[in-house]
């Protein structure tokens, strides 16, 4: 709320996530890769055409939803965030170290479901520290809003300065 945000969403075949975001009032553009396991910078650049990027505080780029393949592709992002859902388990950093080694920040999501998922928070933090010592970790719940503001503040603090007008 009150911030200029937009999203580029990458998926293998559907536009389900993009439609959900658009329904919430977020400007969004879809990239469907038709089986390619990652986005490429040229794909993102093509989808950005015509957008007033200077009006955005944050542009989210969701790479194709797997935790291995996209880590090798530079999209020109200013901040790379690894999302770790409590429903996926605390061992994800050990299974997919490349993702966490290339990220600037890890966000543990769906924290409101931690108890129901029997999520081992301390285990997850230990696994993250084993793979990427010193990684900043935030915990959020999109459902309750807990932790969302610190996450956005962390993104805003790391974004490049906007060029001066004129």
Protein backbone atom coordinates (compact mmCIF):
# COMPACT_ATOMS: atom_id res chain seq x y z
CA UNK A 1 0.00 0.00 0.00
CA UNK A 2 1.25 3.42 -0.91
CA UNK A 3 4.21 2.12 -2.89
CA UNK A 4 4.76 1.81 -6.60
CA UNK A 5 5.17 -1.92 -7.18
CA UNK A 6 4.80 -4.15 -10.21
CA UNK A 7 5.68 -7.72 -11.06
CA UNK A 8 6.98 -9.83 -13.90
CA UNK A 9 5.90 -13.42 -13.34
CA UNK A 10 7.59 -16.41 -14.92
CA UNK A 11 5.94 -19.79 -15.25
CA UNK A 12 6.31 -22.83 -17.47
CA UNK A 13 2.76 -22.86 -18.79
CA UNK A 14 0.11 -20.98 -16.81
CA UNK A 15 -0.63 -17.38 -15.99
CA UNK A 16 -2.38 -18.24 -12.71
CA UNK A 17 -0.03 -16.21 -10.49
CA UNK A 18 -0.18 -13.19 -12.79
CA UNK A 19 -3.99 -13.27 -12.77
CA UNK A 20 -4.01 -13.46 -8.95
CA UNK A 21 -1.71 -10.46 -8.67
CA UNK A 22 -3.68 -8.49 -11.26
CA UNK A 23 -6.85 -9.23 -9.30
CA UNK A 24 -5.23 -7.59 -6.29
CA UNK A 25 -4.50 -4.46 -8.32
CA UNK A 26 -0.81 -5.07 -8.99
CA UNK A 27 0.49 -4.15 -12.45
CA UNK A 28 1.81 -7.45 -13.77
CA UNK A 29 3.24 -8.97 -16.91
CA UNK A 30 3.52 -12.69 -17.63
CA UNK A 31 6.38 -14.62 -19.17
CA UNK A 32 5.47 -18.17 -20.14
CA UNK A 33 8.58 -20.20 -20.95
CA UNK A 34 6.89 -23.31 -22.40
CA UNK A 35 9.17 -25.72 -20.58
CA UNK A 36 12.31 -23.60 -20.19
CA UNK A 37 13.30 -23.85 -16.52
CA UNK A 38 14.38 -20.22 -16.07
CA UNK A 39 13.88 -16.67 -17.25
CA UNK A 40 16.54 -14.86 -19.23
CA UNK A 41 17.36 -11.15 -19.09
CA UNK A 42 16.13 -10.55 -22.66
CA UNK A 43 12.73 -12.03 -21.76
CA UNK A 44 12.41 -9.64 -18.82
CA UNK A 45 13.62 -6.68 -20.87
CA UNK A 46 10.98 -7.40 -23.52
CA UNK A 47 8.19 -7.46 -20.92
CA UNK A 48 9.34 -4.16 -19.39
CA UNK A 49 8.82 -2.25 -22.63
CA UNK A 50 6.31 0.56 -22.16
CA UNK A 51 6.32 0.54 -18.36
CA UNK A 52 7.27 3.73 -16.52
CA UNK A 53 9.96 2.09 -14.40
CA UNK A 54 10.88 5.40 -12.77
CA UNK A 55 7.44 5.39 -11.12
CA UNK A 56 8.14 2.07 -9.40
CA UNK A 57 9.63 1.66 -5.97
CA UNK A 58 10.00 -2.11 -6.40
CA UNK A 59 9.75 -4.35 -9.44
CA UNK A 60 9.40 -7.99 -8.44
CA UNK A 61 10.62 -10.62 -10.89
CA UNK A 62 9.42 -14.11 -10.10
CA UNK A 63 11.65 -16.56 -11.87
CA UNK A 64 10.25 -19.91 -12.90
CA UNK A 65 9.20 -21.72 -9.76
CA UNK A 66 11.93 -24.25 -9.23
CA UNK A 67 14.81 -23.89 -6.83
CA UNK A 68 17.70 -25.07 -8.99
CA UNK A 69 17.79 -23.94 -12.59
CA UNK A 70 17.10 -20.18 -12.23
CA UNK A 71 20.07 -19.57 -9.93
CA UNK A 72 22.53 -19.48 -12.81
CA UNK A 73 20.79 -16.72 -14.74
CA UNK A 74 21.45 -13.03 -14.10
CA UNK A 75 18.32 -11.00 -14.78
CA UNK A 76 19.88 -7.67 -13.85
CA UNK A 77 18.12 -7.69 -10.51
CA UNK A 78 19.32 -5.33 -7.80
CA UNK A 79 18.42 -7.72 -4.99
CA UNK A 80 17.99 -11.47 -5.27
CA UNK A 81 15.62 -12.96 -2.72
CA UNK A 82 15.25 -16.65 -1.96
CA UNK A 83 11.80 -17.61 -0.70
CA UNK A 84 11.58 -20.55 1.67
CA UNK A 85 8.01 -21.56 2.49
CA UNK A 86 7.53 -23.27 5.84
CA UNK A 87 5.46 -25.86 4.00
CA UNK A 88 8.52 -26.89 1.95
CA UNK A 89 10.59 -27.85 4.98
CA UNK A 90 13.65 -26.58 6.73
CA UNK A 91 16.02 -28.68 4.61
CA UNK A 92 15.62 -26.65 1.38
CA UNK A 93 18.89 -24.73 1.87
CA UNK A 94 20.75 -28.04 2.02
CA UNK A 95 18.94 -29.44 -1.04
CA UNK A 96 19.32 -26.27 -3.15
CA UNK A 97 22.46 -24.49 -1.93
CA UNK A 98 22.92 -22.65 -5.23
CA UNK A 99 19.74 -20.67 -4.68
CA UNK A 100 20.72 -19.57 -1.21
CA UNK A 101 24.35 -18.90 -2.17
CA UNK A 102 23.29 -16.51 -4.92
CA UNK A 103 20.63 -14.71 -2.86
CA UNK A 104 21.12 -11.47 -0.97
CA UNK A 105 18.27 -12.20 1.41
CA UNK A 106 16.12 -15.17 2.42
CA UNK A 107 12.48 -14.69 3.26
CA UNK A 108 10.78 -17.49 5.16
CA UNK A 109 7.19 -17.33 3.96
CA UNK A 110 3.85 -18.59 5.26
CA UNK A 111 5.14 -18.20 8.80
CA UNK A 112 1.53 -18.28 10.01
CA UNK A 113 1.48 -21.98 8.99
CA UNK A 114 4.69 -22.92 10.80
CA UNK A 115 3.03 -24.81 13.65
CA UNK A 116 0.63 -26.69 11.37
CA UNK A 117 3.51 -27.64 9.05
CA UNK A 118 5.67 -28.65 12.03
CA UNK A 119 8.33 -26.31 10.67
CA UNK A 120 11.61 -26.45 12.57
CA UNK A 121 12.56 -22.78 12.61
CA UNK A 122 15.85 -23.28 14.43
CA UNK A 123 16.74 -26.11 12.04
CA UNK A 124 15.99 -23.89 9.04
CA UNK A 125 18.14 -21.08 10.41
CA UNK A 126 20.97 -23.54 11.11
CA UNK A 127 20.72 -24.93 7.57
CA UNK A 128 20.78 -21.45 6.10
CA UNK A 129 23.83 -20.58 8.22
CA UNK A 130 25.57 -23.78 7.10
CA UNK A 131 25.03 -22.90 3.43
CA UNK A 132 25.38 -19.12 3.61
CA UNK A 133 26.78 -17.79 6.90
CA UNK A 134 25.55 -14.32 7.75
CA UNK A 135 22.62 -14.37 5.30
CA UNK A 136 19.90 -11.95 6.38
CA UNK A 137 16.67 -13.84 7.04
CA UNK A 138 13.22 -12.33 7.38
CA UNK A 139 9.98 -14.10 8.25
CA UNK A 140 6.70 -13.08 6.65
CA UNK A 141 3.07 -13.99 6.35
CA UNK A 142 1.25 -12.55 3.36
CA UNK A 143 -2.00 -13.66 4.97
CA UNK A 144 -1.53 -11.71 8.21
CA UNK A 145 0.92 -9.09 6.92
CA UNK A 146 3.47 -9.96 9.61
CA UNK A 147 6.99 -9.14 8.47
CA UNK A 148 5.97 -7.66 5.11
CA UNK A 149 7.02 -4.08 5.95
CA UNK A 150 10.54 -5.11 7.09
CA UNK A 151 10.90 -7.08 3.84
CA UNK A 152 9.86 -4.14 1.69
CA UNK A 153 12.10 -1.82 3.73
CA UNK A 154 15.02 -4.21 3.14
CA UNK A 155 14.37 -4.13 -0.61
CA UNK A 156 14.06 -0.36 -0.69
CA UNK A 157 17.28 0.05 1.28
CA UNK A 158 19.20 -2.00 -1.29
CA UNK A 159 17.74 -0.62 -4.49
CA UNK A 160 19.90 1.52 -6.74
CA UNK A 161 19.30 5.26 -6.63
CA UNK A 162 16.88 6.56 -9.25
CA UNK A 163 18.53 8.76 -11.86
CA UNK A 164 17.98 12.49 -11.47
CA UNK A 165 15.32 14.00 -13.71
CA UNK A 166 16.38 15.99 -16.75
